[in-house]
């Protein structure tokens, strides 16, 4: 199948547009967009007030995608996410009322505050891209992208995601504090919510799907695959980690590297593309706990010990 005819506007233009409102965070913005191009889902673990929600909103706006937000709490039920069939007397029958998962970009705020049952319901639709309620299966919109957030400090009344569910997220990133210059710009400038409301789409949903199709077919040489596999094997050989990367994690790493190659305008995957996404893809899969910075540092050490063939 031939590649779709792509627009002159590129995903890099999306990064540039978002970076005008999410200041001083271009690497994280690029990772978030790469995660979307690869067809995965994103987990952001950081303190409140550092722009997690703003990033999700800006990503949806620049791509013309429908956006919904769910505040995860202990009493949030699976039906609150998926939807429910309600009997309507005037129709003498049940009518399905879709939940917030029936959108294109879903922000699940503080996912670790939801009960394990509700977490499982969300993670199931993330994997299957469909929802089954009352025996009827309904497809979710395309694209379907979940951005979930976790607060690494306040663990009161939380249900941390187990490793098997963490694996459903293609990437985990942290935003961190802005630089001094960026924070002064935030203080001097207008409310970023006002600037967010004025943002216009840079790519259409159809164009995004075309770029996702190109990403899935980005060429990766035999030598590149051997290098990627060597990184995976090194995580399994190291006694620093509770367990190494799985075969599914290796596939996730390749998908993310392909997306990074698309973002730089390449026509094949380079070792540098693998290296750019490796910490975000691997760190939360190594059993090192919730400290994103520590886990990413360990992943970078793996990169430093495996030579490019």
C-alpha atoms as a PDB file:
ATOM      1  CA  UNK A   1       0.000   0.000   0.000  1.00  0.00           C
ATOM      2  CA  UNK A   2       1.307   3.441  -0.931  1.00  0.00           C
ATOM      3  CA  UNK A   3       1.854   5.992   1.777  1.00  0.00           C
ATOM      4  CA  UNK A   4      -0.925   8.570   2.062  1.00  0.00           C
ATOM      5  CA  UNK A   5      -0.317  12.022   0.595  1.00  0.00           C
ATOM      6  CA  UNK A   6       0.842  13.995   3.604  1.00  0.00           C
ATOM      7  CA  UNK A   7       0.134  17.683   4.158  1.00  0.00           C
ATOM      8  CA  UNK A   8       2.846  20.338   4.021  1.00  0.00           C
ATOM      9  CA  UNK A   9       2.228  20.926   7.712  1.00  0.00           C
ATOM     10  CA  UNK A  10       4.226  18.399   9.748  1.00  0.00           C
ATOM     11  CA  UNK A  11       4.096  17.090  13.316  1.00  0.00           C
ATOM     12  CA  UNK A  12       7.020  19.422  14.053  1.00  0.00           C
ATOM     13  CA  UNK A  13       4.649  22.334  13.494  1.00  0.00           C
ATOM     14  CA  UNK A  14       2.435  20.820  16.185  1.00  0.00           C
ATOM     15  CA  UNK A  15       5.398  20.766  18.588  1.00  0.00           C
ATOM     16  CA  UNK A  16       6.141  24.411  17.776  1.00  0.00           C
ATOM     17  CA  UNK A  17       2.521  25.444  18.382  1.00  0.00           C
ATOM     18  CA  UNK A  18       2.264  23.639  21.726  1.00  0.00           C
ATOM     19  CA  UNK A  19       5.634  25.019  22.835  1.00  0.00           C
ATOM     20  CA  UNK A  20       4.240  28.557  22.645  1.00  0.00           C
ATOM     21  CA  UNK A  21       1.935  27.716  25.544  1.00  0.00           C
ATOM     22  CA  UNK A  22       3.724  24.858  27.348  1.00  0.00           C
ATOM     23  CA  UNK A  23       6.957  26.761  27.857  1.00  0.00           C
ATOM     24  CA  UNK A  24      10.452  25.318  28.159  1.00  0.00           C
ATOM     25  CA  UNK A  25       9.217  21.716  27.720  1.00  0.00           C
ATOM     26  CA  UNK A  26       9.926  20.926  24.065  1.00  0.00           C
ATOM     27  CA  UNK A  27      11.519  17.496  24.777  1.00  0.00           C
ATOM     28  CA  UNK A  28       8.434  16.412  26.760  1.00  0.00           C
ATOM     29  CA  UNK A  29       6.095  17.832  24.114  1.00  0.00           C
ATOM     30  CA  UNK A  30       7.931  15.874  21.425  1.00  0.00           C
ATOM     31  CA  UNK A  31       7.710  12.695  23.488  1.00  0.00           C
ATOM     32  CA  UNK A  32       3.968  13.210  24.024  1.00  0.00           C
ATOM     33  CA  UNK A  33       3.397  13.694  20.304  1.00  0.00           C
ATOM     34  CA  UNK A  34       5.622  10.724  19.452  1.00  0.00           C
ATOM     35  CA  UNK A  35       3.534   8.621  21.822  1.00  0.00           C
ATOM     36  CA  UNK A  36       0.390   9.656  19.937  1.00  0.00           C
ATOM     37  CA  UNK A  37       1.949   9.038  16.514  1.00  0.00           C
ATOM     38  CA  UNK A  38       2.966   5.554  17.677  1.00  0.00           C
ATOM     39  CA  UNK A  39      -0.624   4.796  18.701  1.00  0.00           C
ATOM     40  CA  UNK A  40       0.196   4.474  22.401  1.00  0.00           C
ATOM     41  CA  UNK A  41      -0.961   6.096  25.621  1.00  0.00           C
ATOM     42  CA  UNK A  42       0.917   8.459  27.924  1.00  0.00           C
ATOM     43  CA  UNK A  43       1.416   8.515  31.702  1.00  0.00           C
ATOM     44  CA  UNK A  44       2.594  11.809  33.209  1.00  0.00           C
ATOM     45  CA  UNK A  45       3.875  11.599  36.748  1.00  0.00           C
ATOM     46  CA  UNK A  46       4.586  14.937  38.374  1.00  0.00           C
ATOM     47  CA  UNK A  47       3.525  17.479  40.968  1.00  0.00           C
ATOM     48  CA  UNK A  48       0.288  19.459  40.592  1.00  0.00           C
ATOM     49  CA  UNK A  49       0.463  22.787  38.798  1.00  0.00           C
ATOM     50  CA  UNK A  50       3.294  21.989  36.380  1.00  0.00           C
ATOM     51  CA  UNK A  51       1.241  21.877  33.176  1.00  0.00           C
ATOM     52  CA  UNK A  52       0.029  18.296  32.787  1.00  0.00           C
ATOM     53  CA  UNK A  53      -3.550  19.319  32.010  1.00  0.00           C
ATOM     54  CA  UNK A  54      -2.370  22.205  29.847  1.00  0.00           C
ATOM     55  CA  UNK A  55      -0.261  19.840  27.736  1.00  0.00           C
ATOM     56  CA  UNK A  56      -3.204  17.484  27.207  1.00  0.00           C
ATOM     57  CA  UNK A  57      -5.532  20.366  26.239  1.00  0.00           C
ATOM     58  CA  UNK A  58      -2.977  21.919  23.897  1.00  0.00           C
ATOM     59  CA  UNK A  59      -2.273  18.607  22.173  1.00  0.00           C
ATOM     60  CA  UNK A  60      -5.976  18.071  21.516  1.00  0.00           C
ATOM     61  CA  UNK A  61      -6.518  21.630  20.257  1.00  0.00           C
ATOM     62  CA  UNK A  62      -3.585  21.683  17.849  1.00  0.00           C
ATOM     63  CA  UNK A  63      -4.813  18.425  16.302  1.00  0.00           C
ATOM     64  CA  UNK A  64      -8.503  19.319  16.209  1.00  0.00           C
ATOM     65  CA  UNK A  65      -9.378  16.383  18.456  1.00  0.00           C
ATOM     66  CA  UNK A  66     -12.303  16.009  20.824  1.00  0.00           C
ATOM     67  CA  UNK A  67     -11.126  16.266  24.425  1.00  0.00           C
ATOM     68  CA  UNK A  68     -12.653  15.078  27.697  1.00  0.00           C
ATOM     69  CA  UNK A  69     -11.329  15.031  31.231  1.00  0.00           C
ATOM     70  CA  UNK A  70     -12.133  12.667  34.092  1.00  0.00           C
ATOM     71  CA  UNK A  71     -11.142  13.374  37.675  1.00  0.00           C
ATOM     72  CA  UNK A  72     -10.365   9.942  39.116  1.00  0.00           C
ATOM     73  CA  UNK A  73     -11.621   9.396  42.650  1.00  0.00           C
ATOM     74  CA  UNK A  74     -12.144   6.389  44.903  1.00  0.00           C
ATOM     75  CA  UNK A  75     -15.886   6.374  44.187  1.00  0.00           C
ATOM     76  CA  UNK A  76     -15.536   6.576  40.385  1.00  0.00           C
ATOM     77  CA  UNK A  77     -17.278   3.529  38.898  1.00  0.00           C
ATOM     78  CA  UNK A  78     -16.463   1.704  35.641  1.00  0.00           C
ATOM     79  CA  UNK A  79     -19.855   2.810  34.291  1.00  0.00           C
ATOM     80  CA  UNK A  80     -18.861   6.424  34.977  1.00  0.00           C
ATOM     81  CA  UNK A  81     -16.129   5.914  32.382  1.00  0.00           C
ATOM     82  CA  UNK A  82     -17.704   3.507  29.918  1.00  0.00           C
ATOM     83  CA  UNK A  83     -21.318   4.602  29.951  1.00  0.00           C
ATOM     84  CA  UNK A  84     -24.581   2.976  30.961  1.00  0.00           C
ATOM     85  CA  UNK A  85     -27.886   1.886  29.439  1.00  0.00           C
ATOM     86  CA  UNK A  86     -30.849   3.696  30.989  1.00  0.00           C
ATOM     87  CA  UNK A  87     -34.502   2.757  30.558  1.00  0.00           C
ATOM     88  CA  UNK A  88     -36.553   5.518  28.917  1.00  0.00           C
ATOM     89  CA  UNK A  89     -40.257   5.123  29.599  1.00  0.00           C
ATOM     90  CA  UNK A  90     -41.334   7.218  26.615  1.00  0.00           C
ATOM     91  CA  UNK A  91     -39.370   4.906  24.306  1.00  0.00           C
ATOM     92  CA  UNK A  92     -40.266   1.755  26.247  1.00  0.00           C
ATOM     93  CA  UNK A  93     -36.672   0.637  26.003  1.00  0.00           C
ATOM     94  CA  UNK A  94     -33.089   1.157  27.040  1.00  0.00           C
ATOM     95  CA  UNK A  95     -30.853   3.799  25.511  1.00  0.00           C
ATOM     96  CA  UNK A  96     -27.072   3.760  25.867  1.00  0.00           C
ATOM     97  CA  UNK A  97     -25.520   6.892  27.295  1.00  0.00           C
ATOM     98  CA  UNK A  98     -21.810   6.850  26.367  1.00  0.00           C
ATOM     99  CA  UNK A  99     -19.213   7.656  29.006  1.00  0.00           C
ATOM    100  CA  UNK A 100     -16.224   9.972  28.619  1.00  0.00           C
ATOM    101  CA  UNK A 101     -14.043   7.251  27.063  1.00  0.00           C
ATOM    102  CA  UNK A 102     -15.952   7.868  23.832  1.00  0.00           C
ATOM    103  CA  UNK A 103     -13.671  10.711  22.823  1.00  0.00           C
ATOM    104  CA  UNK A 104     -10.374  11.135  20.991  1.00  0.00           C
ATOM    105  CA  UNK A 105      -8.193  12.516  23.781  1.00  0.00           C
ATOM    106  CA  UNK A 106      -9.077  11.489  27.329  1.00  0.00           C
ATOM    107  CA  UNK A 107      -7.296  12.997  30.309  1.00  0.00           C
ATOM    108  CA  UNK A 108      -7.565  10.691  33.334  1.00  0.00           C
ATOM    109  CA  UNK A 109      -6.450  12.926  36.181  1.00  0.00           C
ATOM    110  CA  UNK A 110      -4.823  11.164  39.155  1.00  0.00           C
ATOM    111  CA  UNK A 111      -5.504   7.688  37.829  1.00  0.00           C
ATOM    112  CA  UNK A 112      -3.995   6.152  40.967  1.00  0.00           C
ATOM    113  CA  UNK A 113      -6.939   7.504  43.006  1.00  0.00           C
ATOM    114  CA  UNK A 114      -9.406   5.336  41.071  1.00  0.00           C
ATOM    115  CA  UNK A 115     -10.247   1.897  42.431  1.00  0.00           C
ATOM    116  CA  UNK A 116      -8.479  -1.113  40.881  1.00  0.00           C
ATOM    117  CA  UNK A 117     -11.754  -2.155  39.214  1.00  0.00           C
ATOM    118  CA  UNK A 118     -12.151   1.235  37.545  1.00  0.00           C
ATOM    119  CA  UNK A 119      -8.476   1.309  36.565  1.00  0.00           C
ATOM    120  CA  UNK A 120      -8.898  -2.073  34.917  1.00  0.00           C
ATOM    121  CA  UNK A 121     -11.950  -0.902  32.970  1.00  0.00           C
ATOM    122  CA  UNK A 122     -10.022   2.063  31.594  1.00  0.00           C
ATOM    123  CA  UNK A 123      -6.920   0.057  30.780  1.00  0.00           C
ATOM    124  CA  UNK A 124      -9.030  -2.538  28.969  1.00  0.00           C
ATOM    125  CA  UNK A 125     -10.477   0.028  26.575  1.00  0.00           C
ATOM    126  CA  UNK A 126      -6.979   1.470  26.093  1.00  0.00           C
ATOM    127  CA  UNK A 127      -5.803  -1.939  24.916  1.00  0.00           C
ATOM    128  CA  UNK A 128      -8.856  -3.036  22.932  1.00  0.00           C
ATOM    129  CA  UNK A 129      -9.975   0.360  21.561  1.00  0.00           C
ATOM    130  CA  UNK A 130     -13.531  -0.755  22.223  1.00  0.00           C
ATOM    131  CA  UNK A 131     -16.009  -0.915  25.090  1.00  0.00           C
ATOM    132  CA  UNK A 132     -18.444  -3.706  25.905  1.00  0.00           C
ATOM    133  CA  UNK A 133     -21.442  -2.694  28.010  1.00  0.00           C
ATOM    134  CA  UNK A 134     -24.514  -4.904  28.531  1.00  0.00           C
ATOM    135  CA  UNK A 135     -23.151  -7.425  26.048  1.00  0.00           C
ATOM    136  CA  UNK A 136     -22.815  -4.924  23.182  1.00  0.00           C
ATOM    137  CA  UNK A 137     -19.402  -3.933  21.874  1.00  0.00           C
ATOM    138  CA  UNK A 138     -18.887  -0.375  20.670  1.00  0.00           C
ATOM    139  CA  UNK A 139     -15.804   0.912  18.898  1.00  0.00           C
ATOM    140  CA  UNK A 140     -14.027   3.960  20.285  1.00  0.00           C
ATOM    141  CA  UNK A 141     -13.236   6.956  18.056  1.00  0.00           C
ATOM    142  CA  UNK A 142     -10.029   7.065  16.040  1.00  0.00           C
ATOM    143  CA  UNK A 143      -7.557   8.231  17.062  1.00  0.00           C
ATOM    144  CA  UNK A 144      -8.011   7.331  20.725  1.00  0.00           C
ATOM    145  CA  UNK A 145      -5.332   8.653  23.058  1.00  0.00           C
ATOM    146  CA  UNK A 146      -5.289   8.493  26.858  1.00  0.00           C
ATOM    147  CA  UNK A 147      -3.146  10.806  28.949  1.00  0.00           C
ATOM    148  CA  UNK A 148      -3.190   9.715  32.584  1.00  0.00           C
ATOM    149  CA  UNK A 149      -1.582  11.623  35.431  1.00  0.00           C
ATOM    150  CA  UNK A 150      -0.232  10.561  38.804  1.00  0.00           C
ATOM    151  CA  UNK A 151       0.928  12.622  41.758  1.00  0.00           C
ATOM    152  CA  UNK A 152       4.178  11.069  43.034  1.00  0.00           C
ATOM    153  CA  UNK A 153       4.049  12.766  46.436  1.00  0.00           C
ATOM    154  CA  UNK A 154       0.550  12.520  47.901  1.00  0.00           C
ATOM    155  CA  UNK A 155      -0.122   8.785  48.115  1.00  0.00           C
ATOM    156  CA  UNK A 156      -2.998   9.003  50.614  1.00  0.00           C
ATOM    157  CA  UNK A 157      -6.072   7.050  49.450  1.00  0.00           C
ATOM    158  CA  UNK A 158      -4.372   5.917  46.259  1.00  0.00           C
ATOM    159  CA  UNK A 159      -4.187   2.612  44.407  1.00  0.00           C
ATOM    160  CA  UNK A 160      -0.827   2.542  42.579  1.00  0.00           C
ATOM    161  CA  UNK A 161      -0.951   0.951  39.150  1.00  0.00           C
ATOM    162  CA  UNK A 162       0.512  -2.567  39.176  1.00  0.00           C
ATOM    163  CA  UNK A 163       3.305  -3.348  36.735  1.00  0.00           C
ATOM    164  CA  UNK A 164       1.033  -5.201  34.310  1.00  0.00           C
ATOM    165  CA  UNK A 165      -1.152  -2.111  33.994  1.00  0.00           C
ATOM    166  CA  UNK A 166       1.775   0.303  33.807  1.00  0.00           C
ATOM    167  CA  UNK A 167       2.849  -1.685  30.761  1.00  0.00           C
ATOM    168  CA  UNK A 168      -0.285  -0.476  28.939  1.00  0.00           C
ATOM    169  CA  UNK A 169       1.281   2.985  28.754  1.00  0.00           C
ATOM    170  CA  UNK A 170       3.715   3.351  25.896  1.00  0.00           C
ATOM    171  CA  UNK A 171       5.578   6.130  27.717  1.00  0.00           C
ATOM    172  CA  UNK A 172       5.901   7.698  31.139  1.00  0.00           C
ATOM    173  CA  UNK A 173       7.277  11.210  31.430  1.00  0.00           C
ATOM    174  CA  UNK A 174       7.615  13.997  33.982  1.00  0.00           C
ATOM    175  CA  UNK A 175       7.411  17.705  33.213  1.00  0.00           C
ATOM    176  CA  UNK A 176       9.388  19.169  36.103  1.00  0.00           C
ATOM    177  CA  UNK A 177       9.704  22.802  37.100  1.00  0.00           C
ATOM    178  CA  UNK A 178      10.175  25.389  34.326  1.00  0.00           C
ATOM    179  CA  UNK A 179      13.406  27.320  33.937  1.00  0.00           C
ATOM    180  CA  UNK A 180      13.717  30.727  35.579  1.00  0.00           C
ATOM    181  CA  UNK A 181      13.244  32.495  32.230  1.00  0.00           C
ATOM    182  CA  UNK A 182      10.179  30.433  31.355  1.00  0.00           C
ATOM    183  CA  UNK A 183       8.578  30.935  34.754  1.00  0.00           C
ATOM    184  CA  UNK A 184       9.121  34.702  34.576  1.00  0.00           C
ATOM    185  CA  UNK A 185       7.509  34.664  31.145  1.00  0.00           C
ATOM    186  CA  UNK A 186       4.543  32.796  32.620  1.00  0.00           C
ATOM    187  CA  UNK A 187       4.245  35.401  35.386  1.00  0.00           C
ATOM    188  CA  UNK A 188       4.506  38.330  32.977  1.00  0.00           C
ATOM    189  CA  UNK A 189       2.238  36.921  30.265  1.00  0.00           C
ATOM    190  CA  UNK A 190      -1.493  36.513  29.985  1.00  0.00           C
ATOM    191  CA  UNK A 191      -3.295  33.556  31.518  1.00  0.00           C
ATOM    192  CA  UNK A 192      -2.304  30.480  29.543  1.00  0.00           C
ATOM    193  CA  UNK A 193      -5.927  29.346  29.573  1.00  0.00           C
ATOM    194  CA  UNK A 194      -6.735  32.410  27.466  1.00  0.00           C
ATOM    195  CA  UNK A 195      -3.942  31.548  25.043  1.00  0.00           C
ATOM    196  CA  UNK A 196      -5.146  27.935  24.999  1.00  0.00           C
ATOM    197  CA  UNK A 197      -8.665  29.008  24.011  1.00  0.00           C
ATOM    198  CA  UNK A 198      -7.220  30.960  21.075  1.00  0.00           C
ATOM    199  CA  UNK A 199      -5.261  28.011  19.677  1.00  0.00           C
ATOM    200  CA  UNK A 200      -6.348  26.646  16.291  1.00  0.00           C
ATOM    201  CA  UNK A 201      -5.693  23.189  14.792  1.00  0.00           C
ATOM    202  CA  UNK A 202      -2.385  22.674  13.021  1.00  0.00           C
ATOM    203  CA  UNK A 203      -3.255  19.190  11.741  1.00  0.00           C
ATOM    204  CA  UNK A 204      -6.664  17.628  11.210  1.00  0.00           C
ATOM    205  CA  UNK A 205      -7.640  14.264  12.742  1.00  0.00           C
ATOM    206  CA  UNK A 206      -7.492  12.723   9.244  1.00  0.00           C
ATOM    207  CA  UNK A 207      -3.965  14.048   8.709  1.00  0.00           C
ATOM    208  CA  UNK A 208      -2.949  12.689  12.104  1.00  0.00           C
ATOM    209  CA  UNK A 209      -4.218   9.233  11.127  1.00  0.00           C
ATOM    210  CA  UNK A 210      -2.177   9.472   7.916  1.00  0.00           C
ATOM    211  CA  UNK A 211       0.954  10.272   9.906  1.00  0.00           C
ATOM    212  CA  UNK A 212       0.205   7.345  12.230  1.00  0.00           C
ATOM    213  CA  UNK A 213       0.036   5.069   9.172  1.00  0.00           C
ATOM    214  CA  UNK A 214       3.400   6.378   7.951  1.00  0.00           C
ATOM    215  CA  UNK A 215       4.864   5.868  11.427  1.00  0.00           C
ATOM    216  CA  UNK A 216       3.808   2.222  11.500  1.00  0.00           C
ATOM    217  CA  UNK A 217       5.646   1.618   8.198  1.00  0.00           C
ATOM    218  CA  UNK A 218       8.832   3.555   8.967  1.00  0.00           C
ATOM    219  CA  UNK A 219      11.779   1.404   7.883  1.00  0.00           C
ATOM    220  CA  UNK A 220      13.955  -0.180  10.571  1.00  0.00           C
ATOM    221  CA  UNK A 221      17.051  -2.041   9.334  1.00  0.00           C
ATOM    222  CA  UNK A 222      18.265  -5.394  10.602  1.00  0.00           C
ATOM    223  CA  UNK A 223      21.208  -3.655  12.288  1.00  0.00           C
ATOM    224  CA  UNK A 224      18.847  -1.212  14.024  1.00  0.00           C
ATOM    225  CA  UNK A 225      16.687  -4.064  15.293  1.00  0.00           C
ATOM    226  CA  UNK A 226      19.797  -5.830  16.592  1.00  0.00           C
ATOM    227  CA  UNK A 227      20.810  -2.705  18.533  1.00  0.00           C
ATOM    228  CA  UNK A 228      17.325  -2.298  19.972  1.00  0.00           C
ATOM    229  CA  UNK A 229      17.288  -5.960  20.981  1.00  0.00           C
ATOM    230  CA  UNK A 230      20.685  -5.606  22.653  1.00  0.00           C
ATOM    231  CA  UNK A 231      19.242  -2.837  24.849  1.00  0.00           C
ATOM    232  CA  UNK A 232      16.339  -5.082  25.800  1.00  0.00           C
ATOM    233  CA  UNK A 233      18.662  -7.970  26.635  1.00  0.00           C
ATOM    234  CA  UNK A 234      20.828  -5.727  28.808  1.00  0.00           C
ATOM    235  CA  UNK A 235      17.838  -4.870  31.000  1.00  0.00           C
ATOM    236  CA  UNK A 236      17.226  -8.592  31.484  1.00  0.00           C
ATOM    237  CA  UNK A 237      20.863  -9.292  32.379  1.00  0.00           C
ATOM    238  CA  UNK A 238      21.180  -6.477  34.920  1.00  0.00           C
ATOM    239  CA  UNK A 239      20.612  -7.247  38.601  1.00  0.00           C
ATOM    240  CA  UNK A 240      19.595  -3.612  39.221  1.00  0.00           C
ATOM    241  CA  UNK A 241      16.075  -4.213  37.971  1.00  0.00           C
ATOM    242  CA  UNK A 242      13.319  -6.418  39.331  1.00  0.00           C
ATOM    243  CA  UNK A 243      12.755  -7.651  35.796  1.00  0.00           C
ATOM    244  CA  UNK A 244      13.825  -6.771  32.278  1.00  0.00           C
ATOM    245  CA  UNK A 245      11.852  -5.525  29.317  1.00  0.00           C
ATOM    246  CA  UNK A 246       9.334  -7.914  27.786  1.00  0.00           C
ATOM    247  CA  UNK A 247       8.785  -8.649  24.101  1.00  0.00           C
ATOM    248  CA  UNK A 248       5.804  -6.281  24.161  1.00  0.00           C
ATOM    249  CA  UNK A 249       8.044  -3.586  25.617  1.00  0.00           C
ATOM    250  CA  UNK A 250      10.515  -4.186  22.759  1.00  0.00           C
ATOM    251  CA  UNK A 251       7.682  -3.652  20.270  1.00  0.00           C
ATOM    252  CA  UNK A 252       6.697  -0.472  22.115  1.00  0.00           C
ATOM    253  CA  UNK A 253      10.280   0.784  21.928  1.00  0.00           C
ATOM    254  CA  UNK A 254      10.379   0.192  18.174  1.00  0.00           C
ATOM    255  CA  UNK A 255       7.026   1.940  17.662  1.00  0.00           C
ATOM    256  CA  UNK A 256       8.205   4.960  19.665  1.00  0.00           C
ATOM    257  CA  UNK A 257      11.519   5.106  17.776  1.00  0.00           C
ATOM    258  CA  UNK A 258       9.635   5.058  14.475  1.00  0.00           C
ATOM    259  CA  UNK A 259       7.517   7.975  15.697  1.00  0.00           C
ATOM    260  CA  UNK A 260      10.633   9.915  16.696  1.00  0.00           C
ATOM    261  CA  UNK A 261      12.037   9.341  13.195  1.00  0.00           C
ATOM    262  CA  UNK A 262       8.840  10.802  11.728  1.00  0.00           C
ATOM    263  CA  UNK A 263       9.156  13.842  13.995  1.00  0.00           C
ATOM    264  CA  UNK A 264      12.682  14.563  12.739  1.00  0.00           C
ATOM    265  CA  UNK A 265      11.549  14.103   9.125  1.00  0.00           C
ATOM    266  CA  UNK A 266      13.567  10.932   8.493  1.00  0.00           C
ATOM    267  CA  UNK A 267      12.824   8.037   6.171  1.00  0.00           C
ATOM    268  CA  UNK A 268      14.257   5.301   8.393  1.00  0.00           C
ATOM    269  CA  UNK A 269      14.928   4.699  12.083  1.00  0.00           C
ATOM    270  CA  UNK A 270      18.350   5.605  13.471  1.00  0.00           C
ATOM    271  CA  UNK A 271      19.975   4.475  16.737  1.00  0.00           C
ATOM    272  CA  UNK A 272      19.591   8.077  17.912  1.00  0.00           C
ATOM    273  CA  UNK A 273      15.804   7.704  17.589  1.00  0.00           C
ATOM    274  CA  UNK A 274      15.867   4.645  19.845  1.00  0.00           C
ATOM    275  CA  UNK A 275      18.072   6.469  22.341  1.00  0.00           C
ATOM    276  CA  UNK A 276      15.781   9.515  22.398  1.00  0.00           C
ATOM    277  CA  UNK A 277      12.714   7.513  23.465  1.00  0.00           C
ATOM    278  CA  UNK A 278      14.326   4.711  25.471  1.00  0.00           C
ATOM    279  CA  UNK A 279      14.092   6.294  28.967  1.00  0.00           C
ATOM    280  CA  UNK A 280      10.418   7.249  28.521  1.00  0.00           C
ATOM    281  CA  UNK A 281       9.507   3.799  27.182  1.00  0.00           C
ATOM    282  CA  UNK A 282      11.658   1.616  29.440  1.00  0.00           C
ATOM    283  CA  UNK A 283      11.853   3.329  32.851  1.00  0.00           C
ATOM    284  CA  UNK A 284       8.369   2.479  34.151  1.00  0.00           C
ATOM    285  CA  UNK A 285       8.730  -1.143  33.026  1.00  0.00           C
ATOM    286  CA  UNK A 286      11.809  -1.959  35.121  1.00  0.00           C
ATOM    287  CA  UNK A 287      10.171  -2.233  38.542  1.00  0.00           C
ATOM    288  CA  UNK A 288      11.991   0.725  40.089  1.00  0.00           C
ATOM    289  CA  UNK A 289       8.933   2.360  41.618  1.00  0.00           C
ATOM    290  CA  UNK A 290       7.324   5.761  41.162  1.00  0.00           C
ATOM    291  CA  UNK A 291      10.471   7.917  41.066  1.00  0.00           C
ATOM    292  CA  UNK A 292      10.448   8.892  37.383  1.00  0.00           C
ATOM    293  CA  UNK A 293      13.797  10.722  37.466  1.00  0.00           C
ATOM    294  CA  UNK A 294      15.595   7.830  39.167  1.00  0.00           C
ATOM    295  CA  UNK A 295      14.134   5.267  36.786  1.00  0.00           C
ATOM    296  CA  UNK A 296      14.999   7.350  33.723  1.00  0.00           C
ATOM    297  CA  UNK A 297      18.554   7.795  34.991  1.00  0.00           C
ATOM    298  CA  UNK A 298      18.882   4.017  35.274  1.00  0.00           C
ATOM    299  CA  UNK A 299      17.577   3.649  31.710  1.00  0.00           C
ATOM    300  CA  UNK A 300      20.200   6.134  30.481  1.00  0.00           C
ATOM    301  CA  UNK A 301      22.877   4.073  32.170  1.00  0.00           C
ATOM    302  CA  UNK A 302      21.707   1.105  30.090  1.00  0.00           C
ATOM    303  CA  UNK A 303      22.090   3.251  26.959  1.00  0.00           C
ATOM    304  CA  UNK A 304      25.636   4.103  27.981  1.00  0.00           C
ATOM    305  CA  UNK A 305      26.627   0.433  28.336  1.00  0.00           C
ATOM    306  CA  UNK A 306      25.350  -0.842  24.969  1.00  0.00           C
ATOM    307  CA  UNK A 307      27.411   0.111  21.931  1.00  0.00           C
ATOM    308  CA  UNK A 308      25.859   0.871  18.569  1.00  0.00           C
ATOM    309  CA  UNK A 309      26.935  -1.875  16.183  1.00  0.00           C
END
